[in-house]
Amino acid sequence: MIFLLRLAALAAALIFLRWLGRWLWGILFAPAGAPRIVNQGALQRDPVCGIFVDAMVSIRTEQDGAVVYFCSERCRDAYRAAPPLEVPRTG
């Protein structure tokens, strides 16, 4: 039983160290121009799929003077094909 507990603790420590290494590698050696993982802007809701996206790294378009944010080009194209009657307000 003690052997299994020690094995589980070792596995948890290895998983944590792997996560920590990937996190540090992403911070220290990210390619130039790559979006950072940290939240740099305010979160905005994608009107098509409903998920929240970072305003600084999202795909955006302007409609009737309001900026609309999207998670992907597919959501942007779906929005352009059939825009809603009311434009979502940001702010």
N, C-alpha and C. Protein backbone atom coordinates (compact mmCIF):
# COMPACT_ATOMS: atom_id res chain seq x y z
N MET A 1 0.82 -1.19 0.00
CA MET A 1 0.00 0.00 0.00
C MET A 1 0.87 1.25 0.00
N ILE A 2 1.93 1.24 0.81
CA ILE A 2 2.83 2.40 0.86
C ILE A 2 3.51 2.59 -0.49
N PHE A 3 3.82 1.47 -1.14
CA PHE A 3 4.45 1.54 -2.46
C PHE A 3 3.55 2.26 -3.45
N LEU A 4 2.25 1.97 -3.42
CA LEU A 4 1.30 2.63 -4.34
C LEU A 4 1.18 4.12 -4.04
N LEU A 5 1.19 4.49 -2.77
CA LEU A 5 1.13 5.90 -2.41
C LEU A 5 2.38 6.65 -2.89
N ARG A 6 3.53 6.03 -2.74
CA ARG A 6 4.77 6.66 -3.20
C ARG A 6 4.78 6.77 -4.72
N LEU A 7 4.27 5.76 -5.39
CA LEU A 7 4.20 5.78 -6.85
C LEU A 7 3.25 6.88 -7.33
N ALA A 8 2.12 7.05 -6.66
CA ALA A 8 1.17 8.10 -7.02
C ALA A 8 1.77 9.49 -6.77
N ALA A 9 2.49 9.65 -5.67
CA ALA A 9 3.13 10.94 -5.38
C ALA A 9 4.21 11.25 -6.41
N LEU A 10 4.96 10.26 -6.84
CA LEU A 10 5.98 10.45 -7.85
C LEU A 10 5.36 10.83 -9.19
N ALA A 11 4.28 10.17 -9.55
CA ALA A 11 3.58 10.48 -10.80
C ALA A 11 3.04 11.91 -10.77
N ALA A 12 2.46 12.33 -9.65
CA ALA A 12 1.95 13.69 -9.52
C ALA A 12 3.08 14.71 -9.63
N ALA A 13 4.22 14.43 -9.01
CA ALA A 13 5.36 15.34 -9.09
C ALA A 13 5.88 15.45 -10.51
N LEU A 14 5.94 14.34 -11.24
CA LEU A 14 6.41 14.37 -12.62
C LEU A 14 5.45 15.14 -13.53
N ILE A 15 4.16 14.97 -13.32
CA ILE A 15 3.18 15.72 -14.11
C ILE A 15 3.31 17.21 -13.83
N PHE A 16 3.47 17.59 -12.58
CA PHE A 16 3.63 19.00 -12.24
C PHE A 16 4.90 19.58 -12.86
N LEU A 17 5.99 18.85 -12.79
CA LEU A 17 7.26 19.34 -13.36
C LEU A 17 7.17 19.47 -14.87
N ARG A 18 6.47 18.56 -15.52
CA ARG A 18 6.28 18.67 -16.97
C ARG A 18 5.47 19.92 -17.30
N TRP A 19 4.38 20.17 -16.57
CA TRP A 19 3.58 21.36 -16.79
C TRP A 19 4.40 22.62 -16.55
N LEU A 20 5.17 22.64 -15.47
CA LEU A 20 5.98 23.80 -15.15
C LEU A 20 7.02 24.06 -16.23
N GLY A 21 7.65 23.02 -16.74
CA GLY A 21 8.63 23.18 -17.81
C GLY A 21 8.02 23.74 -19.08
N ARG A 22 6.85 23.23 -19.47
CA ARG A 22 6.18 23.76 -20.67
C ARG A 22 5.75 25.20 -20.48
N TRP A 23 5.28 25.54 -19.30
CA TRP A 23 4.85 26.92 -19.02
C TRP A 23 6.04 27.87 -19.10
N LEU A 24 7.16 27.52 -18.46
CA LEU A 24 8.35 28.36 -18.52
C LEU A 24 8.90 28.45 -19.93
N TRP A 25 8.90 27.34 -20.67
CA TRP A 25 9.40 27.35 -22.04
C TRP A 25 8.56 28.29 -22.90
N GLY A 26 7.25 28.27 -22.71
CA GLY A 26 6.38 29.16 -23.48
C GLY A 26 6.59 30.62 -23.16
N ILE A 27 6.95 30.93 -21.94
CA ILE A 27 7.18 32.32 -21.56
C ILE A 27 8.55 32.79 -22.05
N LEU A 28 9.57 31.98 -21.86
CA LEU A 28 10.94 32.40 -22.15
C LEU A 28 11.30 32.32 -23.62
N PHE A 29 10.78 31.33 -24.33
CA PHE A 29 11.25 31.09 -25.69
C PHE A 29 10.13 31.12 -26.73
N ALA A 30 9.10 31.89 -26.52
CA ALA A 30 8.03 31.99 -27.50
C ALA A 30 8.56 32.72 -28.74
N PRO A 31 8.16 32.29 -29.93
CA PRO A 31 8.62 32.97 -31.14
C PRO A 31 8.14 34.42 -31.17
N ALA A 32 8.91 35.28 -31.83
CA ALA A 32 8.55 36.68 -31.93
C ALA A 32 7.22 36.82 -32.68
N GLY A 33 6.34 37.61 -32.16
CA GLY A 33 5.04 37.83 -32.78
C GLY A 33 3.98 36.82 -32.41
N ALA A 34 4.34 35.79 -31.67
CA ALA A 34 3.35 34.79 -31.26
C ALA A 34 2.48 35.36 -30.15
N PRO A 35 1.18 35.10 -30.19
CA PRO A 35 0.33 35.60 -29.11
C PRO A 35 0.67 34.92 -27.80
N ARG A 36 0.71 35.66 -26.74
CA ARG A 36 1.01 35.11 -25.42
C ARG A 36 -0.20 34.39 -24.88
N ILE A 37 0.04 33.47 -23.97
CA ILE A 37 -1.04 32.71 -23.35
C ILE A 37 -1.79 33.58 -22.35
N VAL A 38 -1.11 34.55 -21.76
CA VAL A 38 -1.76 35.38 -20.76
C VAL A 38 -2.80 36.28 -21.40
N ASN A 39 -3.77 36.67 -20.62
CA ASN A 39 -4.85 37.53 -21.10
C ASN A 39 -4.36 38.96 -21.19
N GLN A 40 -4.22 39.48 -22.41
CA GLN A 40 -3.72 40.83 -22.60
C GLN A 40 -4.85 41.84 -22.75
N GLY A 41 -6.00 41.41 -23.16
CA GLY A 41 -7.12 42.32 -23.38
C GLY A 41 -8.35 41.83 -22.66
N ALA A 42 -9.41 42.58 -22.82
CA ALA A 42 -10.67 42.21 -22.18
C ALA A 42 -11.29 41.04 -22.94
N LEU A 43 -12.02 40.21 -22.24
CA LEU A 43 -12.69 39.09 -22.88
C LEU A 43 -13.99 39.58 -23.50
N GLN A 44 -14.24 39.11 -24.72
CA GLN A 44 -15.46 39.45 -25.44
C GLN A 44 -16.13 38.15 -25.87
N ARG A 45 -17.44 38.16 -25.93
CA ARG A 45 -18.18 36.94 -26.30
C ARG A 45 -18.36 36.88 -27.82
N ASP A 46 -18.04 35.72 -28.38
CA ASP A 46 -18.27 35.46 -29.80
C ASP A 46 -19.78 35.32 -30.00
N PRO A 47 -20.40 36.14 -30.88
CA PRO A 47 -21.85 36.08 -31.03
C PRO A 47 -22.35 34.81 -31.73
N VAL A 48 -21.47 34.07 -32.40
CA VAL A 48 -21.91 32.88 -33.12
C VAL A 48 -21.91 31.65 -32.21
N CYS A 49 -20.74 31.34 -31.63
CA CYS A 49 -20.64 30.13 -30.81
C CYS A 49 -20.76 30.40 -29.32
N GLY A 50 -20.60 31.65 -28.90
CA GLY A 50 -20.82 32.01 -27.51
C GLY A 50 -19.63 31.90 -26.58
N ILE A 51 -18.46 31.50 -27.08
CA ILE A 51 -17.31 31.41 -26.20
C ILE A 51 -16.67 32.78 -26.04
N PHE A 52 -15.90 32.95 -24.97
CA PHE A 52 -15.21 34.20 -24.73
C PHE A 52 -13.84 34.15 -25.39
N VAL A 53 -13.48 35.26 -26.05
CA VAL A 53 -12.19 35.37 -26.72
C VAL A 53 -11.46 36.60 -26.21
N ASP A 54 -10.14 36.57 -26.26
CA ASP A 54 -9.31 37.70 -25.88
C ASP A 54 -9.40 38.75 -26.98
N ALA A 55 -9.76 39.96 -26.66
CA ALA A 55 -9.95 41.01 -27.65
C ALA A 55 -8.67 41.35 -28.39
N MET A 56 -7.51 41.14 -27.77
CA MET A 56 -6.25 41.50 -28.40
C MET A 56 -5.82 40.51 -29.49
N VAL A 57 -6.20 39.26 -29.39
CA VAL A 57 -5.74 38.25 -30.34
C VAL A 57 -6.88 37.61 -31.13
N SER A 58 -8.07 38.16 -31.06
CA SER A 58 -9.21 37.56 -31.75
C SER A 58 -9.35 38.14 -33.15
N ILE A 59 -10.19 37.48 -33.93
CA ILE A 59 -10.56 37.98 -35.25
C ILE A 59 -11.72 38.93 -35.05
N ARG A 60 -11.64 40.11 -35.65
CA ARG A 60 -12.69 41.10 -35.41
C ARG A 60 -13.16 41.71 -36.72
N THR A 61 -14.37 42.20 -36.68
CA THR A 61 -14.95 42.92 -37.80
C THR A 61 -15.79 44.05 -37.24
N GLU A 62 -16.09 45.02 -38.07
CA GLU A 62 -16.88 46.18 -37.63
C GLU A 62 -18.20 46.19 -38.37
N GLN A 63 -19.27 46.44 -37.63
CA GLN A 63 -20.60 46.53 -38.21
C GLN A 63 -21.36 47.65 -37.52
N ASP A 64 -21.82 48.59 -38.29
CA ASP A 64 -22.59 49.74 -37.78
C ASP A 64 -21.85 50.47 -36.67
N GLY A 65 -20.53 50.61 -36.81
CA GLY A 65 -19.74 51.33 -35.83
C GLY A 65 -19.35 50.55 -34.59
N ALA A 66 -19.78 49.31 -34.49
CA ALA A 66 -19.45 48.47 -33.33
C ALA A 66 -18.47 47.38 -33.77
N VAL A 67 -17.51 47.09 -32.94
CA VAL A 67 -16.55 46.03 -33.22
C VAL A 67 -17.09 44.73 -32.66
N VAL A 68 -17.07 43.68 -33.49
CA VAL A 68 -17.55 42.36 -33.09
C VAL A 68 -16.36 41.40 -33.14
N TYR A 69 -16.17 40.59 -32.09
CA TYR A 69 -15.01 39.72 -31.95
C TYR A 69 -15.42 38.27 -32.18
N PHE A 70 -14.52 37.50 -32.84
CA PHE A 70 -14.79 36.10 -33.17
C PHE A 70 -13.62 35.22 -32.78
N CYS A 71 -13.91 33.94 -32.53
CA CYS A 71 -12.87 32.97 -32.17
C CYS A 71 -12.17 32.42 -33.39
N SER A 72 -12.86 32.40 -34.53
CA SER A 72 -12.28 31.80 -35.73
C SER A 72 -12.86 32.47 -36.97
N GLU A 73 -12.24 32.18 -38.10
CA GLU A 73 -12.74 32.71 -39.37
C GLU A 73 -14.08 32.07 -39.73
N ARG A 74 -14.29 30.83 -39.30
CA ARG A 74 -15.56 30.15 -39.57
C ARG A 74 -16.72 30.89 -38.89
N CYS A 75 -16.52 31.30 -37.63
CA CYS A 75 -17.58 32.05 -36.94
C CYS A 75 -17.79 33.42 -37.58
N ARG A 76 -16.69 34.06 -37.99
CA ARG A 76 -16.82 35.37 -38.65
C ARG A 76 -17.60 35.24 -39.95
N ASP A 77 -17.32 34.21 -40.75
CA ASP A 77 -18.02 34.02 -42.01
C ASP A 77 -19.49 33.69 -41.79
N ALA A 78 -19.79 32.90 -40.76
CA ALA A 78 -21.18 32.59 -40.44
C ALA A 78 -21.93 33.84 -40.00
N TYR A 79 -21.27 34.71 -39.27
CA TYR A 79 -21.88 35.96 -38.83
C TYR A 79 -22.15 36.88 -40.01
N ARG A 80 -21.19 36.95 -40.93
CA ARG A 80 -21.37 37.79 -42.11
C ARG A 80 -22.50 37.27 -43.01
N ALA A 81 -22.68 35.96 -43.06
CA ALA A 81 -23.72 35.38 -43.90
C ALA A 81 -25.11 35.70 -43.37
N ALA A 82 -25.27 35.70 -42.05
CA ALA A 82 -26.58 35.98 -41.44
C ALA A 82 -26.37 36.76 -40.15
N PRO A 83 -26.12 38.07 -40.23
CA PRO A 83 -25.91 38.85 -39.01
C PRO A 83 -27.20 38.97 -38.20
N PRO A 84 -27.08 39.07 -36.89
CA PRO A 84 -28.29 39.23 -36.06
C PRO A 84 -28.91 40.61 -36.27
N LEU A 85 -30.14 40.75 -35.83
CA LEU A 85 -30.82 42.03 -35.98
C LEU A 85 -30.21 43.10 -35.09
N GLU A 86 -29.75 42.73 -33.92
CA GLU A 86 -29.17 43.69 -32.98
C GLU A 86 -27.67 43.45 -32.89
N VAL A 87 -26.90 44.52 -33.00
CA VAL A 87 -25.44 44.44 -32.92
C VAL A 87 -25.03 44.37 -31.46
N PRO A 88 -24.20 43.38 -31.07
CA PRO A 88 -23.76 43.33 -29.68
C PRO A 88 -22.87 44.51 -29.35
N ARG A 89 -23.11 45.14 -28.24
CA ARG A 89 -22.32 46.29 -27.82
C ARG A 89 -21.18 45.83 -26.95
N THR A 90 -20.01 46.40 -27.16
CA THR A 90 -18.84 46.06 -26.36
C THR A 90 -18.61 47.18 -25.37
N GLY A 91 -17.97 46.81 -24.28
CA GLY A 91 -17.64 47.89 -23.36
C GLY A 91 -17.75 47.54 -21.94
